[in-house]
Amino acid sequence: MKTQFNIRAATAADIAVLQKLIERSGIGLSAGFYTPEQAHALTREVFGVDSQLIQDGTYFAIEVDTRIVACGGWSKRSTPYGGDQHKAAADRLLDPATEPAKIRAFFVDPGMERQGLGSLLMQHCTEHALAAGFTSLELTATMPGVPLYQAHGFVPVHDLRLSLAGGQMAVPLTLMRKAIG
């Protein structure tokens, strides 16, 4: 029997559960892509809930029964990645006619990967960004996410190196884009 997944808008009441899921995913699904030190630094300093996405209604939770097993979203704002702890400035609204919407913060609970949850989130986010008038998407991919995004038509634009741990560590990321519509 196939597992039934339910996707819904995340709410402020979900934040504590989402934070724990993001931590498990950030650490658990980075093996083979990042060192344990890099995975922990990303999870501590960058990964987390961006409450602006929840307020905007553009961050989603996927549930099995009532358990959240994945989360992710899209944004009509300029912040490219990171949770509340990583933000340094207010989020400027993007112009859908000239700027890409941002795909943001996809996380899957370890043990639930490879079941189509990332693809379900991508399809849902793409449909919502299209409905909001956007014609392209952009994301800053962690290395574990690159295969998923490439499978959905994103192409690498250029590699990035994120300085973490007070400048003691560099973590590779990839800026990717895709036309939609």
N, C-alpha and C. Protein backbone atom coordinates (compact mmCIF):
# COMPACT_ATOMS: atom_id res chain seq x y z
N MET A 1 0.84 -1.18 0.00
CA MET A 1 0.00 0.00 0.00
C MET A 1 0.88 1.24 0.00
N LYS A 2 0.55 2.22 -0.84
CA LYS A 2 1.32 3.44 -0.97
C LYS A 2 1.02 4.39 0.19
N THR A 3 2.08 5.04 0.71
CA THR A 3 1.93 6.00 1.79
C THR A 3 1.20 7.23 1.28
N GLN A 4 0.24 7.73 2.05
CA GLN A 4 -0.51 8.93 1.70
C GLN A 4 0.16 10.15 2.32
N PHE A 5 0.61 11.08 1.48
CA PHE A 5 1.24 12.31 1.94
C PHE A 5 0.25 13.46 1.82
N ASN A 6 0.23 14.32 2.81
CA ASN A 6 -0.61 15.52 2.82
C ASN A 6 0.30 16.74 2.89
N ILE A 7 0.13 17.66 1.94
CA ILE A 7 0.91 18.89 1.96
C ILE A 7 0.00 20.04 2.38
N ARG A 8 0.52 20.88 3.26
CA ARG A 8 -0.26 22.01 3.76
C ARG A 8 0.67 23.16 4.08
N ALA A 9 0.11 24.36 4.20
CA ALA A 9 0.90 25.51 4.61
C ALA A 9 1.37 25.30 6.05
N ALA A 10 2.63 25.57 6.29
CA ALA A 10 3.16 25.51 7.66
C ALA A 10 2.62 26.72 8.44
N THR A 11 2.50 26.55 9.74
CA THR A 11 2.02 27.62 10.60
C THR A 11 3.03 27.89 11.71
N ALA A 12 2.84 29.00 12.39
CA ALA A 12 3.72 29.34 13.51
C ALA A 12 3.71 28.24 14.57
N ALA A 13 2.60 27.54 14.72
CA ALA A 13 2.51 26.45 15.70
C ALA A 13 3.42 25.28 15.33
N ASP A 14 3.85 25.20 14.07
CA ASP A 14 4.72 24.11 13.61
C ASP A 14 6.20 24.38 13.82
N ILE A 15 6.57 25.59 14.17
CA ILE A 15 7.99 25.99 14.14
C ILE A 15 8.88 25.06 14.97
N ALA A 16 8.51 24.72 16.17
CA ALA A 16 9.36 23.85 17.00
C ALA A 16 9.58 22.49 16.35
N VAL A 17 8.54 21.91 15.78
CA VAL A 17 8.65 20.61 15.11
C VAL A 17 9.50 20.75 13.85
N LEU A 18 9.29 21.83 13.10
CA LEU A 18 10.09 22.05 11.89
C LEU A 18 11.56 22.22 12.22
N GLN A 19 11.88 22.95 13.27
CA GLN A 19 13.28 23.14 13.67
C GLN A 19 13.96 21.81 13.95
N LYS A 20 13.28 20.92 14.65
CA LYS A 20 13.85 19.60 14.96
C LYS A 20 14.03 18.77 13.68
N LEU A 21 13.05 18.83 12.79
CA LEU A 21 13.15 18.12 11.51
C LEU A 21 14.33 18.65 10.69
N ILE A 22 14.46 19.97 10.63
CA ILE A 22 15.55 20.60 9.89
C ILE A 22 16.90 20.16 10.46
N GLU A 23 17.03 20.10 11.76
CA GLU A 23 18.28 19.66 12.37
C GLU A 23 18.58 18.21 12.03
N ARG A 24 17.58 17.33 12.16
CA ARG A 24 17.80 15.91 11.83
C ARG A 24 18.20 15.75 10.36
N SER A 25 17.52 16.47 9.47
CA SER A 25 17.80 16.38 8.05
C SER A 25 19.17 16.96 7.72
N GLY A 26 19.47 18.12 8.26
CA GLY A 26 20.74 18.78 7.98
C GLY A 26 21.94 17.95 8.37
N ILE A 27 21.82 17.25 9.49
CA ILE A 27 22.92 16.38 9.95
C ILE A 27 22.84 15.02 9.26
N GLY A 28 21.66 14.42 9.25
CA GLY A 28 21.50 13.04 8.80
C GLY A 28 21.65 12.81 7.32
N LEU A 29 21.31 13.80 6.49
CA LEU A 29 21.35 13.58 5.05
C LEU A 29 22.55 14.24 4.37
N SER A 30 23.49 14.71 5.15
CA SER A 30 24.69 15.35 4.59
C SER A 30 25.87 14.41 4.44
N ALA A 31 25.76 13.21 5.00
CA ALA A 31 26.87 12.26 4.91
C ALA A 31 27.21 11.97 3.45
N GLY A 32 28.49 12.01 3.15
CA GLY A 32 28.96 11.78 1.79
C GLY A 32 29.03 13.05 0.95
N PHE A 33 28.43 14.13 1.46
CA PHE A 33 28.46 15.41 0.76
C PHE A 33 29.27 16.45 1.53
N TYR A 34 29.12 16.42 2.85
CA TYR A 34 29.83 17.34 3.74
C TYR A 34 30.47 16.55 4.86
N THR A 35 31.53 17.10 5.44
CA THR A 35 32.10 16.49 6.63
C THR A 35 31.11 16.68 7.78
N PRO A 36 31.22 15.89 8.85
CA PRO A 36 30.34 16.12 10.01
C PRO A 36 30.46 17.54 10.55
N GLU A 37 31.67 18.10 10.51
CA GLU A 37 31.87 19.47 11.01
C GLU A 37 31.13 20.49 10.13
N GLN A 38 31.18 20.31 8.82
CA GLN A 38 30.46 21.20 7.92
C GLN A 38 28.95 21.08 8.11
N ALA A 39 28.46 19.85 8.23
CA ALA A 39 27.02 19.63 8.42
C ALA A 39 26.54 20.27 9.72
N HIS A 40 27.30 20.13 10.78
CA HIS A 40 26.92 20.74 12.05
C HIS A 40 26.96 22.27 11.98
N ALA A 41 27.96 22.82 11.31
CA ALA A 41 28.06 24.28 11.19
C ALA A 41 26.90 24.83 10.36
N LEU A 42 26.57 24.18 9.25
CA LEU A 42 25.42 24.61 8.45
C LEU A 42 24.14 24.56 9.26
N THR A 43 23.95 23.48 9.97
CA THR A 43 22.73 23.30 10.75
C THR A 43 22.63 24.33 11.87
N ARG A 44 23.73 24.63 12.49
CA ARG A 44 23.75 25.59 13.61
C ARG A 44 23.63 27.03 13.13
N GLU A 45 24.36 27.39 12.07
CA GLU A 45 24.49 28.79 11.68
C GLU A 45 23.56 29.24 10.56
N VAL A 46 23.08 28.30 9.73
CA VAL A 46 22.32 28.69 8.55
C VAL A 46 20.93 28.08 8.51
N PHE A 47 20.85 26.76 8.64
CA PHE A 47 19.57 26.08 8.51
C PHE A 47 18.62 26.47 9.63
N GLY A 48 17.35 26.55 9.30
CA GLY A 48 16.32 26.83 10.28
C GLY A 48 15.10 27.42 9.61
N VAL A 49 14.08 27.61 10.39
CA VAL A 49 12.84 28.17 9.88
C VAL A 49 13.02 29.67 9.62
N ASP A 50 12.59 30.11 8.46
CA ASP A 50 12.50 31.54 8.15
C ASP A 50 11.03 31.91 8.39
N SER A 51 10.77 32.56 9.51
CA SER A 51 9.39 32.84 9.90
C SER A 51 8.67 33.75 8.90
N GLN A 52 9.43 34.50 8.09
CA GLN A 52 8.80 35.34 7.06
C GLN A 52 8.06 34.47 6.04
N LEU A 53 8.64 33.33 5.68
CA LEU A 53 7.99 32.43 4.73
C LEU A 53 6.67 31.90 5.29
N ILE A 54 6.67 31.59 6.57
CA ILE A 54 5.43 31.12 7.21
C ILE A 54 4.40 32.23 7.20
N GLN A 55 4.81 33.44 7.55
CA GLN A 55 3.89 34.58 7.52
C GLN A 55 3.34 34.83 6.12
N ASP A 56 4.19 34.64 5.11
CA ASP A 56 3.76 34.85 3.72
C ASP A 56 2.89 33.71 3.18
N GLY A 57 2.83 32.59 3.89
CA GLY A 57 2.06 31.44 3.42
C GLY A 57 2.75 30.67 2.31
N THR A 58 4.08 30.78 2.23
CA THR A 58 4.83 30.13 1.15
C THR A 58 5.76 29.02 1.65
N TYR A 59 5.58 28.60 2.90
CA TYR A 59 6.36 27.48 3.44
C TYR A 59 5.39 26.36 3.78
N PHE A 60 5.77 25.14 3.41
CA PHE A 60 4.84 24.02 3.48
C PHE A 60 5.40 22.86 4.29
N ALA A 61 4.48 22.11 4.88
CA ALA A 61 4.83 20.90 5.61
C ALA A 61 4.15 19.73 4.90
N ILE A 62 4.87 18.63 4.81
CA ILE A 62 4.28 17.39 4.30
C ILE A 62 4.13 16.45 5.49
N GLU A 63 2.94 15.89 5.62
CA GLU A 63 2.63 15.01 6.74
C GLU A 63 2.29 13.60 6.26
N VAL A 64 2.60 12.65 7.11
CA VAL A 64 2.08 11.29 7.04
C VAL A 64 1.26 11.16 8.31
N ASP A 65 -0.03 10.92 8.16
CA ASP A 65 -0.97 11.02 9.28
C ASP A 65 -0.83 12.44 9.83
N THR A 66 -0.36 12.62 11.05
CA THR A 66 -0.19 13.98 11.58
C THR A 66 1.27 14.31 11.84
N ARG A 67 2.19 13.45 11.39
CA ARG A 67 3.62 13.65 11.62
C ARG A 67 4.24 14.37 10.42
N ILE A 68 4.91 15.50 10.68
CA ILE A 68 5.60 16.24 9.62
C ILE A 68 6.87 15.49 9.25
N VAL A 69 6.99 15.13 7.96
CA VAL A 69 8.14 14.36 7.48
C VAL A 69 9.00 15.11 6.48
N ALA A 70 8.53 16.27 6.03
CA ALA A 70 9.30 17.10 5.10
C ALA A 70 8.76 18.52 5.14
N CYS A 71 9.61 19.46 4.72
CA CYS A 71 9.17 20.85 4.66
C CYS A 71 9.99 21.57 3.60
N GLY A 72 9.43 22.65 3.11
CA GLY A 72 10.12 23.46 2.11
C GLY A 72 9.19 24.51 1.57
N GLY A 73 9.75 25.46 0.83
CA GLY A 73 8.90 26.51 0.32
C GLY A 73 9.53 27.30 -0.80
N TRP A 74 8.86 28.38 -1.12
CA TRP A 74 9.33 29.32 -2.12
C TRP A 74 9.14 30.70 -1.52
N SER A 75 9.82 31.68 -2.11
CA SER A 75 9.72 33.02 -1.57
C SER A 75 9.61 34.06 -2.67
N LYS A 76 8.82 35.07 -2.37
CA LYS A 76 8.70 36.25 -3.23
C LYS A 76 9.58 37.37 -2.70
N ARG A 77 10.52 37.00 -1.82
CA ARG A 77 11.41 37.96 -1.17
C ARG A 77 12.87 37.67 -1.55
N SER A 78 13.74 38.62 -1.26
CA SER A 78 15.12 38.58 -1.76
C SER A 78 16.07 37.66 -0.99
N THR A 79 15.76 37.30 0.24
CA THR A 79 16.67 36.44 1.01
C THR A 79 16.84 35.10 0.29
N PRO A 80 18.08 34.71 -0.04
CA PRO A 80 18.28 33.50 -0.82
C PRO A 80 18.22 32.20 -0.02
N TYR A 81 18.60 32.24 1.25
CA TYR A 81 18.64 31.02 2.05
C TYR A 81 18.81 31.39 3.52
N GLY A 82 18.60 30.41 4.37
CA GLY A 82 18.86 30.57 5.80
C GLY A 82 17.62 30.83 6.63
N GLY A 83 17.71 30.40 7.87
CA GLY A 83 16.65 30.63 8.83
C GLY A 83 16.76 32.00 9.47
N ASP A 84 15.88 32.26 10.41
CA ASP A 84 15.85 33.57 11.08
C ASP A 84 17.22 33.95 11.65
N GLN A 85 17.97 32.97 12.18
CA GLN A 85 19.25 33.27 12.81
C GLN A 85 20.31 33.71 11.80
N HIS A 86 20.07 33.48 10.52
CA HIS A 86 21.06 33.79 9.48
C HIS A 86 20.78 35.13 8.79
N LYS A 87 19.63 35.72 9.02
CA LYS A 87 19.25 36.95 8.32
C LYS A 87 19.90 38.18 8.93
N ALA A 88 20.30 39.08 8.05
CA ALA A 88 20.94 40.31 8.50
C ALA A 88 20.14 41.55 8.12
N ALA A 89 19.16 41.39 7.22
CA ALA A 89 18.42 42.56 6.73
C ALA A 89 16.97 42.19 6.48
N ALA A 90 16.15 43.21 6.32
CA ALA A 90 14.74 42.99 5.99
C ALA A 90 14.63 42.37 4.60
N ASP A 91 13.59 41.59 4.40
CA ASP A 91 13.35 40.94 3.11
C ASP A 91 12.66 41.89 2.14
N ARG A 92 13.37 42.23 1.08
CA ARG A 92 12.78 43.05 0.02
C ARG A 92 11.91 42.16 -0.86
N LEU A 93 10.74 42.65 -1.27
CA LEU A 93 9.90 41.92 -2.20
C LEU A 93 10.55 41.91 -3.58
N LEU A 94 10.47 40.77 -4.25
CA LEU A 94 10.99 40.61 -5.60
C LEU A 94 9.97 41.09 -6.62
N ASP A 95 10.46 41.49 -7.80
CA ASP A 95 9.60 41.87 -8.91
C ASP A 95 9.43 40.64 -9.80
N PRO A 96 8.22 40.03 -9.84
CA PRO A 96 8.03 38.82 -10.63
C PRO A 96 8.33 39.00 -12.12
N ALA A 97 8.25 40.22 -12.62
CA ALA A 97 8.50 40.46 -14.05
C ALA A 97 9.98 40.41 -14.40
N THR A 98 10.85 40.66 -13.41
CA THR A 98 12.28 40.74 -13.72
C THR A 98 13.18 39.88 -12.84
N GLU A 99 12.63 39.32 -11.76
CA GLU A 99 13.46 38.55 -10.82
C GLU A 99 12.86 37.17 -10.59
N PRO A 100 13.72 36.19 -10.31
CA PRO A 100 13.21 34.85 -10.03
C PRO A 100 12.71 34.72 -8.59
N ALA A 101 11.67 33.92 -8.41
CA ALA A 101 11.26 33.52 -7.07
C ALA A 101 12.35 32.63 -6.50
N LYS A 102 12.45 32.56 -5.19
CA LYS A 102 13.47 31.74 -4.53
C LYS A 102 12.84 30.44 -4.02
N ILE A 103 13.48 29.34 -4.32
CA ILE A 103 13.12 28.06 -3.69
C ILE A 103 13.91 28.00 -2.41
N ARG A 104 13.23 27.65 -1.30
CA ARG A 104 13.86 27.80 0.01
C ARG A 104 13.68 26.58 0.90
N ALA A 105 14.72 26.20 1.57
CA ALA A 105 14.71 25.35 2.76
C ALA A 105 13.94 24.05 2.62
N PHE A 106 14.36 23.21 1.67
CA PHE A 106 13.77 21.88 1.54
C PHE A 106 14.50 20.94 2.49
N PHE A 107 13.75 20.26 3.34
CA PHE A 107 14.32 19.30 4.30
C PHE A 107 13.40 18.08 4.39
N VAL A 108 14.01 16.90 4.40
CA VAL A 108 13.28 15.65 4.52
C VAL A 108 13.81 14.89 5.72
N ASP A 109 12.91 14.31 6.49
CA ASP A 109 13.31 13.54 7.65
C ASP A 109 14.14 12.33 7.21
N PRO A 110 15.31 12.09 7.81
CA PRO A 110 16.07 10.89 7.48
C PRO A 110 15.19 9.65 7.66
N GLY A 111 15.26 8.75 6.70
CA GLY A 111 14.40 7.58 6.68
C GLY A 111 13.20 7.77 5.76
N MET A 112 12.93 9.01 5.38
CA MET A 112 11.82 9.31 4.47
C MET A 112 12.32 9.77 3.10
N GLU A 113 13.64 9.86 2.93
CA GLU A 113 14.19 10.30 1.66
C GLU A 113 13.91 9.27 0.57
N ARG A 114 13.98 9.72 -0.67
CA ARG A 114 13.78 8.89 -1.87
C ARG A 114 12.35 8.36 -1.98
N GLN A 115 11.40 9.11 -1.45
CA GLN A 115 9.99 8.73 -1.57
C GLN A 115 9.18 9.77 -2.33
N GLY A 116 9.86 10.72 -2.96
CA GLY A 116 9.18 11.70 -3.78
C GLY A 116 8.75 12.96 -3.04
N LEU A 117 9.19 13.12 -1.79
CA LEU A 117 8.76 14.29 -1.01
C LEU A 117 9.35 15.58 -1.55
N GLY A 118 10.63 15.57 -1.92
CA GLY A 118 11.25 16.76 -2.51
C GLY A 118 10.57 17.12 -3.82
N SER A 119 10.23 16.12 -4.63
CA SER A 119 9.54 16.38 -5.89
C SER A 119 8.14 16.94 -5.66
N LEU A 120 7.45 16.42 -4.67
CA LEU A 120 6.12 16.95 -4.33
C LEU A 120 6.22 18.41 -3.91
N LEU A 121 7.19 18.73 -3.07
CA LEU A 121 7.40 20.12 -2.67
C LEU A 121 7.75 21.01 -3.87
N MET A 122 8.62 20.51 -4.74
CA MET A 122 9.03 21.31 -5.90
C MET A 122 7.84 21.61 -6.80
N GLN A 123 7.03 20.62 -7.07
CA GLN A 123 5.86 20.82 -7.92
C GLN A 123 4.90 21.84 -7.27
N HIS A 124 4.66 21.69 -5.99
CA HIS A 124 3.76 22.58 -5.25
C HIS A 124 4.28 24.02 -5.26
N CYS A 125 5.56 24.19 -4.98
CA CYS A 125 6.16 25.53 -4.95
C CYS A 125 6.17 26.17 -6.34
N THR A 126 6.47 25.38 -7.35
CA THR A 126 6.50 25.91 -8.72
C THR A 126 5.12 26.40 -9.13
N GLU A 127 4.10 25.63 -8.83
CA GLU A 127 2.73 26.04 -9.16
C GLU A 127 2.36 27.34 -8.46
N HIS A 128 2.73 27.47 -7.20
CA HIS A 128 2.40 28.68 -6.44
C HIS A 128 3.18 29.90 -6.95
N ALA A 129 4.46 29.71 -7.29
CA ALA A 129 5.26 30.81 -7.83
C ALA A 129 4.71 31.25 -9.19
N LEU A 130 4.32 30.30 -10.02
CA LEU A 130 3.70 30.64 -11.31
C LEU A 130 2.42 31.45 -11.11
N ALA A 131 1.60 31.00 -10.18
CA ALA A 131 0.34 31.69 -9.90
C ALA A 131 0.58 33.11 -9.40
N ALA A 132 1.72 33.35 -8.79
CA ALA A 132 2.07 34.70 -8.30
C ALA A 132 2.74 35.54 -9.38
N GLY A 133 2.87 35.01 -10.60
CA GLY A 133 3.39 35.79 -11.71
C GLY A 133 4.87 35.61 -12.02
N PHE A 134 5.57 34.73 -11.30
CA PHE A 134 7.00 34.52 -11.56
C PHE A 134 7.19 33.63 -12.78
N THR A 135 8.27 33.88 -13.53
CA THR A 135 8.58 33.08 -14.72
C THR A 135 9.89 32.32 -14.59
N SER A 136 10.54 32.48 -13.45
CA SER A 136 11.77 31.73 -13.20
C SER A 136 11.93 31.50 -11.70
N LEU A 137 12.76 30.51 -11.40
CA LEU A 137 13.07 30.14 -10.02
C LEU A 137 14.58 30.15 -9.85
N GLU A 138 15.02 30.42 -8.63
CA GLU A 138 16.44 30.40 -8.29
C GLU A 138 16.56 29.78 -6.91
N LEU A 139 17.66 29.11 -6.68
CA LEU A 139 17.92 28.55 -5.36
C LEU A 139 19.40 28.46 -5.11
N THR A 140 19.75 28.44 -3.85
CA THR A 140 21.12 28.18 -3.44
C THR A 140 21.12 26.77 -2.86
N ALA A 141 21.71 25.85 -3.59
CA ALA A 141 21.64 24.43 -3.26
C ALA A 141 22.80 24.00 -2.37
N THR A 142 22.46 23.21 -1.36
CA THR A 142 23.49 22.46 -0.65
C THR A 142 23.83 21.26 -1.53
N MET A 143 24.96 20.66 -1.31
CA MET A 143 25.39 19.55 -2.16
C MET A 143 24.41 18.37 -2.13
N PRO A 144 23.80 18.01 -0.98
CA PRO A 144 22.83 16.91 -1.03
C PRO A 144 21.60 17.22 -1.88
N GLY A 145 21.27 18.49 -2.07
CA GLY A 145 20.09 18.87 -2.85
C GLY A 145 20.32 18.97 -4.34
N VAL A 146 21.57 19.09 -4.78
CA VAL A 146 21.85 19.31 -6.20
C VAL A 146 21.21 18.24 -7.10
N PRO A 147 21.32 16.94 -6.79
CA PRO A 147 20.69 15.95 -7.69
C PRO A 147 19.18 16.14 -7.84
N LEU A 148 18.49 16.46 -6.77
CA LEU A 148 17.04 16.70 -6.84
C LEU A 148 16.75 17.88 -7.76
N TYR A 149 17.46 18.98 -7.56
CA TYR A 149 17.19 20.18 -8.33
C TYR A 149 17.54 19.99 -9.81
N GLN A 150 18.62 19.29 -10.09
CA GLN A 150 18.96 19.00 -11.49
C GLN A 150 17.88 18.13 -12.13
N ALA A 151 17.34 17.18 -11.38
CA ALA A 151 16.27 16.33 -11.90
C ALA A 151 15.01 17.13 -12.23
N HIS A 152 14.88 18.30 -11.62
CA HIS A 152 13.72 19.16 -11.88
C HIS A 152 14.05 20.32 -12.82
N GLY A 153 15.15 20.20 -13.55
CA GLY A 153 15.46 21.16 -14.60
C GLY A 153 16.28 22.36 -14.19
N PHE A 154 16.72 22.43 -12.95
CA PHE A 154 17.58 23.55 -12.54
C PHE A 154 18.98 23.33 -13.12
N VAL A 155 19.59 24.43 -13.52
CA VAL A 155 20.96 24.35 -14.03
C VAL A 155 21.88 25.17 -13.13
N PRO A 156 23.09 24.67 -12.90
CA PRO A 156 24.04 25.43 -12.09
C PRO A 156 24.42 26.74 -12.78
N VAL A 157 24.48 27.81 -12.00
CA VAL A 157 24.93 29.11 -12.50
C VAL A 157 26.38 29.31 -12.11
N HIS A 158 26.67 29.12 -10.82
CA HIS A 158 28.06 29.14 -10.35
C HIS A 158 28.13 28.57 -8.95
N ASP A 159 29.33 28.14 -8.59
CA ASP A 159 29.58 27.59 -7.26
C ASP A 159 29.83 28.73 -6.28
N LEU A 160 29.46 28.49 -5.04
CA LEU A 160 29.66 29.44 -3.94
C LEU A 160 30.41 28.74 -2.82
N ARG A 161 31.05 29.52 -1.98
CA ARG A 161 31.68 28.98 -0.77
C ARG A 161 31.21 29.85 0.38
N LEU A 162 30.50 29.25 1.30
CA LEU A 162 29.94 29.94 2.46
C LEU A 162 30.92 29.81 3.62
N SER A 163 31.33 30.93 4.16
CA SER A 163 32.25 30.94 5.29
C SER A 163 31.46 30.77 6.58
N LEU A 164 31.82 29.76 7.37
CA LEU A 164 31.14 29.47 8.64
C LEU A 164 32.17 29.28 9.75
N ALA A 165 31.68 29.08 10.96
CA ALA A 165 32.53 28.85 12.13
C ALA A 165 33.54 29.97 12.30
N GLY A 166 33.05 31.20 12.21
CA GLY A 166 33.93 32.35 12.39
C GLY A 166 35.02 32.46 11.35
N GLY A 167 34.73 31.99 10.14
CA GLY A 167 35.70 32.05 9.06
C GLY A 167 36.66 30.88 9.04
N GLN A 168 36.46 29.92 9.94
CA GLN A 168 37.38 28.77 10.03
C GLN A 168 37.03 27.65 9.05
N MET A 169 35.87 27.76 8.40
CA MET A 169 35.41 26.68 7.55
C MET A 169 34.69 27.24 6.33
N ALA A 170 34.92 26.63 5.17
CA ALA A 170 34.20 27.00 3.94
C ALA A 170 33.34 25.82 3.53
N VAL A 171 32.08 26.11 3.21
CA VAL A 171 31.13 25.07 2.83
C VAL A 171 30.67 25.35 1.39
N PRO A 172 30.80 24.35 0.50
CA PRO A 172 30.38 24.57 -0.88
C PRO A 172 28.87 24.56 -1.05
N LEU A 173 28.39 25.47 -1.89
CA LEU A 173 26.99 25.57 -2.29
C LEU A 173 26.99 25.82 -3.80
N THR A 174 25.82 25.72 -4.42
CA THR A 174 25.70 26.00 -5.85
C THR A 174 24.46 26.85 -6.11
N LEU A 175 24.62 27.97 -6.78
CA LEU A 175 23.50 28.79 -7.23
C LEU A 175 22.93 28.13 -8.48
N MET A 176 21.60 27.92 -8.52
CA MET A 176 20.95 27.25 -9.64
C MET A 176 19.71 28.02 -10.06
N ARG A 177 19.36 27.93 -11.35
CA ARG A 177 18.18 28.62 -11.87
C ARG A 177 17.40 27.74 -12.84
N LYS A 178 16.14 28.15 -13.04
CA LYS A 178 15.26 27.42 -13.95
C LYS A 178 14.15 28.36 -14.42
N ALA A 179 13.83 28.30 -15.70
CA ALA A 179 12.67 29.01 -16.23
C ALA A 179 11.42 28.16 -15.96
N ILE A 180 10.30 28.82 -15.67
CA ILE A 180 9.03 28.09 -15.45
C ILE A 180 7.96 28.72 -16.33
N GLY A 181 6.88 27.99 -16.52
CA GLY A 181 5.76 28.52 -17.28
C GLY A 181 5.87 28.07 -18.67
